N, C-alpha and C. Protein backbone atom coordinates (compact mmCIF):
# COMPACT_ATOMS: atom_id res chain seq x y z
N MET A 1 110.47 48.21 35.03
CA MET A 1 111.81 48.53 35.44
C MET A 1 111.75 49.72 36.40
N GLU A 2 112.55 49.66 37.44
CA GLU A 2 112.57 50.71 38.45
C GLU A 2 113.32 51.94 37.92
N ALA A 3 112.79 53.12 38.21
CA ALA A 3 113.44 54.35 37.77
C ALA A 3 114.78 54.53 38.49
N GLN A 4 115.73 55.12 37.78
CA GLN A 4 117.04 55.37 38.35
C GLN A 4 117.22 56.87 38.58
N LEU A 5 117.92 57.18 39.64
CA LEU A 5 118.17 58.57 39.98
C LEU A 5 119.23 59.15 39.05
N SER A 6 118.97 60.32 38.51
CA SER A 6 119.95 61.05 37.71
C SER A 6 120.46 62.21 38.54
N LEU A 7 121.74 62.20 38.80
CA LEU A 7 122.33 63.25 39.63
C LEU A 7 122.68 64.50 38.84
N VAL A 8 122.62 64.43 37.52
CA VAL A 8 122.99 65.57 36.69
C VAL A 8 122.10 66.76 36.99
N GLY A 9 120.84 66.54 37.25
CA GLY A 9 119.90 67.62 37.53
C GLY A 9 120.16 68.33 38.84
N LEU A 10 121.04 67.80 39.66
CA LEU A 10 121.33 68.42 40.95
C LEU A 10 122.41 69.49 40.88
N TYR A 11 123.07 69.64 39.74
CA TYR A 11 124.07 70.70 39.60
C TYR A 11 123.38 72.05 39.65
N ARG A 12 124.11 73.09 40.08
CA ARG A 12 123.50 74.41 40.30
C ARG A 12 123.07 75.10 39.02
N SER A 13 123.62 74.71 37.88
CA SER A 13 123.20 75.28 36.60
C SER A 13 123.57 74.32 35.48
N ARG A 14 122.96 74.51 34.33
CA ARG A 14 123.29 73.70 33.16
C ARG A 14 124.74 73.89 32.75
N GLU A 15 125.18 75.13 32.83
CA GLU A 15 126.56 75.44 32.43
C GLU A 15 127.56 74.74 33.35
N TYR A 16 127.28 74.75 34.65
CA TYR A 16 128.17 74.08 35.58
C TYR A 16 128.13 72.57 35.36
N ALA A 17 126.95 72.03 35.10
CA ALA A 17 126.84 70.60 34.82
C ALA A 17 127.66 70.24 33.59
N ALA A 18 127.57 71.06 32.56
CA ALA A 18 128.33 70.80 31.34
C ALA A 18 129.83 70.83 31.61
N THR A 19 130.27 71.82 32.39
CA THR A 19 131.69 71.93 32.74
C THR A 19 132.16 70.71 33.51
N ARG A 20 131.39 70.30 34.50
CA ARG A 20 131.77 69.14 35.32
C ARG A 20 131.72 67.85 34.52
N LEU A 21 130.71 67.68 33.68
CA LEU A 21 130.62 66.46 32.89
C LEU A 21 131.78 66.36 31.91
N ARG A 22 132.14 67.49 31.31
CA ARG A 22 133.29 67.49 30.40
C ARG A 22 134.55 67.10 31.18
N TRP A 23 134.74 67.71 32.35
CA TRP A 23 135.91 67.41 33.16
C TRP A 23 135.95 65.93 33.54
N LEU A 24 134.80 65.40 33.98
CA LEU A 24 134.74 63.98 34.35
C LEU A 24 135.03 63.07 33.16
N ALA A 25 134.44 63.39 32.01
CA ALA A 25 134.67 62.57 30.82
C ALA A 25 136.13 62.63 30.39
N GLU A 26 136.69 63.82 30.38
CA GLU A 26 138.09 63.96 29.97
C GLU A 26 139.02 63.26 30.95
N ARG A 27 138.72 63.38 32.24
CA ARG A 27 139.54 62.71 33.25
C ARG A 27 139.44 61.19 33.12
N ALA A 28 138.23 60.68 32.93
CA ALA A 28 138.04 59.23 32.78
C ALA A 28 138.76 58.72 31.53
N LEU A 29 138.65 59.47 30.43
CA LEU A 29 139.31 59.05 29.19
C LEU A 29 140.83 59.13 29.32
N ALA A 30 141.34 60.14 30.02
CA ALA A 30 142.79 60.24 30.23
C ALA A 30 143.28 59.09 31.09
N ALA A 31 142.54 58.77 32.14
CA ALA A 31 142.92 57.65 33.00
C ALA A 31 142.88 56.34 32.23
N ALA A 32 141.86 56.18 31.40
CA ALA A 32 141.76 54.97 30.58
C ALA A 32 142.95 54.88 29.62
N GLY A 33 143.37 56.01 29.09
CA GLY A 33 144.49 56.04 28.16
C GLY A 33 145.81 55.67 28.79
N ALA A 34 145.91 55.80 30.11
CA ALA A 34 147.14 55.48 30.81
C ALA A 34 147.24 54.01 31.21
N LEU A 35 146.18 53.26 30.99
CA LEU A 35 146.16 51.85 31.38
C LEU A 35 146.66 50.95 30.25
N PRO A 36 147.18 49.77 30.60
CA PRO A 36 147.50 48.80 29.55
C PRO A 36 146.21 48.46 28.79
N GLY A 37 146.29 48.33 27.50
CA GLY A 37 145.08 48.08 26.71
C GLY A 37 144.20 49.32 26.67
N ALA A 38 144.82 50.48 26.53
CA ALA A 38 144.12 51.75 26.63
C ALA A 38 142.90 51.86 25.72
N GLN A 39 142.99 51.34 24.52
CA GLN A 39 141.87 51.46 23.58
C GLN A 39 140.62 50.76 24.13
N ARG A 40 140.80 49.60 24.73
CA ARG A 40 139.65 48.89 25.30
C ARG A 40 139.05 49.67 26.47
N HIS A 41 139.90 50.25 27.30
CA HIS A 41 139.39 51.02 28.44
C HIS A 41 138.69 52.30 27.97
N HIS A 42 139.22 52.92 26.94
CA HIS A 42 138.58 54.11 26.36
C HIS A 42 137.18 53.74 25.87
N MET A 43 137.08 52.60 25.20
CA MET A 43 135.78 52.16 24.68
C MET A 43 134.80 51.90 25.82
N LEU A 44 135.29 51.37 26.92
CA LEU A 44 134.40 51.13 28.07
C LEU A 44 133.85 52.43 28.63
N VAL A 45 134.69 53.46 28.72
CA VAL A 45 134.23 54.76 29.21
C VAL A 45 133.16 55.32 28.26
N VAL A 46 133.42 55.25 26.96
CA VAL A 46 132.46 55.73 25.97
C VAL A 46 131.18 54.92 26.05
N ALA A 47 131.30 53.60 26.18
CA ALA A 47 130.12 52.73 26.24
C ALA A 47 129.25 53.04 27.45
N LEU A 48 129.87 53.30 28.60
CA LEU A 48 129.08 53.64 29.79
C LEU A 48 128.28 54.93 29.57
N ALA A 49 128.92 55.93 29.01
CA ALA A 49 128.22 57.19 28.74
C ALA A 49 127.10 56.97 27.72
N CYS A 50 127.38 56.20 26.68
CA CYS A 50 126.36 55.95 25.64
C CYS A 50 125.21 55.12 26.16
N HIS A 51 125.50 54.18 27.03
CA HIS A 51 124.42 53.39 27.63
C HIS A 51 123.46 54.31 28.38
N TYR A 52 124.00 55.23 29.14
CA TYR A 52 123.18 56.20 29.87
C TYR A 52 122.40 57.08 28.90
N LEU A 53 123.08 57.61 27.89
CA LEU A 53 122.43 58.54 26.96
C LEU A 53 121.44 57.87 26.02
N SER A 54 121.49 56.55 25.91
CA SER A 54 120.54 55.85 25.05
C SER A 54 119.20 55.60 25.73
N ASP A 55 119.13 55.86 27.02
CA ASP A 55 117.89 55.67 27.76
C ASP A 55 116.81 56.59 27.17
N PRO A 56 115.63 56.06 26.87
CA PRO A 56 114.58 56.89 26.27
C PRO A 56 114.22 58.12 27.10
N GLU A 57 114.37 58.05 28.41
CA GLU A 57 114.08 59.22 29.24
C GLU A 57 115.17 60.27 29.15
N ILE A 58 116.37 59.87 28.78
CA ILE A 58 117.49 60.78 28.65
C ILE A 58 117.60 61.30 27.22
N ALA A 59 117.16 60.51 26.26
CA ALA A 59 117.32 60.82 24.84
C ALA A 59 116.89 62.24 24.46
N PRO A 60 115.76 62.76 24.96
CA PRO A 60 115.39 64.14 24.59
C PRO A 60 116.43 65.17 25.02
N ALA A 61 117.24 64.84 26.01
CA ALA A 61 118.25 65.78 26.49
C ALA A 61 119.56 65.66 25.71
N TRP A 62 119.60 64.77 24.72
CA TRP A 62 120.84 64.51 23.98
C TRP A 62 121.42 65.77 23.36
N ASP A 63 120.59 66.71 22.96
CA ASP A 63 121.09 67.93 22.33
C ASP A 63 121.39 69.05 23.34
N LEU A 64 121.16 68.78 24.60
CA LEU A 64 121.48 69.79 25.61
C LEU A 64 122.98 69.83 25.85
N GLU A 65 123.46 70.91 26.39
CA GLU A 65 124.89 71.14 26.56
C GLU A 65 125.62 70.02 27.31
N PRO A 66 125.12 69.52 28.44
CA PRO A 66 125.86 68.46 29.11
C PRO A 66 126.07 67.22 28.25
N ALA A 67 125.07 66.86 27.46
CA ALA A 67 125.21 65.70 26.59
C ALA A 67 126.21 65.99 25.47
N ARG A 68 126.19 67.22 24.96
CA ARG A 68 127.16 67.59 23.91
C ARG A 68 128.59 67.48 24.41
N THR A 69 128.81 67.85 25.66
CA THR A 69 130.16 67.77 26.20
C THR A 69 130.63 66.32 26.24
N LEU A 70 129.74 65.41 26.58
CA LEU A 70 130.12 63.99 26.59
C LEU A 70 130.43 63.50 25.18
N ARG A 71 129.63 63.95 24.22
CA ARG A 71 129.87 63.57 22.82
C ARG A 71 131.24 64.04 22.36
N GLU A 72 131.56 65.28 22.66
CA GLU A 72 132.84 65.85 22.21
C GLU A 72 134.02 65.19 22.89
N ALA A 73 133.92 64.97 24.20
CA ALA A 73 135.04 64.38 24.94
C ALA A 73 135.26 62.93 24.54
N GLY A 74 134.21 62.24 24.12
CA GLY A 74 134.32 60.82 23.77
C GLY A 74 134.88 60.56 22.40
N GLY A 75 134.91 61.56 21.55
CA GLY A 75 135.50 61.39 20.22
C GLY A 75 134.59 60.67 19.24
N GLY A 76 135.22 60.14 18.18
CA GLY A 76 134.49 59.55 17.07
C GLY A 76 133.78 58.25 17.37
N MET A 77 134.04 57.66 18.52
CA MET A 77 133.38 56.39 18.85
C MET A 77 132.00 56.59 19.45
N VAL A 78 131.66 57.81 19.83
CA VAL A 78 130.41 58.06 20.53
C VAL A 78 129.20 57.81 19.63
N ALA A 79 129.15 58.40 18.45
CA ALA A 79 127.96 58.28 17.59
C ALA A 79 127.62 56.83 17.24
N PRO A 80 128.58 56.02 16.76
CA PRO A 80 128.21 54.64 16.45
C PRO A 80 127.87 53.82 17.70
N THR A 81 128.53 54.10 18.80
CA THR A 81 128.23 53.36 20.03
C THR A 81 126.85 53.71 20.54
N LEU A 82 126.50 54.98 20.49
CA LEU A 82 125.17 55.40 20.91
C LEU A 82 124.11 54.78 20.01
N ALA A 83 124.36 54.75 18.71
CA ALA A 83 123.40 54.14 17.78
C ALA A 83 123.20 52.66 18.11
N LEU A 84 124.27 51.97 18.45
CA LEU A 84 124.18 50.56 18.81
C LEU A 84 123.32 50.38 20.07
N PHE A 85 123.55 51.18 21.09
CA PHE A 85 122.76 51.06 22.32
C PHE A 85 121.30 51.42 22.08
N ARG A 86 121.05 52.44 21.26
CA ARG A 86 119.66 52.80 20.96
C ARG A 86 118.95 51.68 20.20
N ALA A 87 119.65 51.07 19.25
CA ALA A 87 119.07 49.96 18.49
C ALA A 87 118.77 48.78 19.41
N ARG A 88 119.68 48.53 20.34
CA ARG A 88 119.47 47.43 21.29
C ARG A 88 118.24 47.70 22.15
N ARG A 89 118.11 48.91 22.65
CA ARG A 89 116.95 49.24 23.47
C ARG A 89 115.66 49.15 22.65
N PHE A 90 115.71 49.59 21.40
CA PHE A 90 114.55 49.51 20.53
C PHE A 90 114.15 48.05 20.31
N ALA A 91 115.14 47.20 20.03
CA ALA A 91 114.87 45.77 19.78
C ALA A 91 114.30 45.09 21.01
N GLU A 92 114.69 45.55 22.18
CA GLU A 92 114.19 44.96 23.43
C GLU A 92 112.87 45.58 23.87
N GLY A 93 112.45 46.63 23.15
CA GLY A 93 111.18 47.27 23.49
C GLY A 93 111.27 48.19 24.71
N CYS A 94 112.46 48.68 24.99
CA CYS A 94 112.65 49.57 26.15
C CYS A 94 112.38 51.00 25.77
């Protein structure tokens, strides 16, 4: 599989990355909440973040501040969704 570029490392500091990621997550979740079928759109935003965070190359960074901000902004659906994506990657041998 071809490596994918992660733009998070391009922020000027970890703190700024965390601030921006929180803002982006909160904005995406607020926009999803304003759409018809808001719960489904909210789940899609959470799923996209969890898909990214389930990547084995990203997983060690899960406890870093930027990842924590995504966890907090995503609410209670993040942990089970992330577990599902990690299990899927494990089953596929990724």
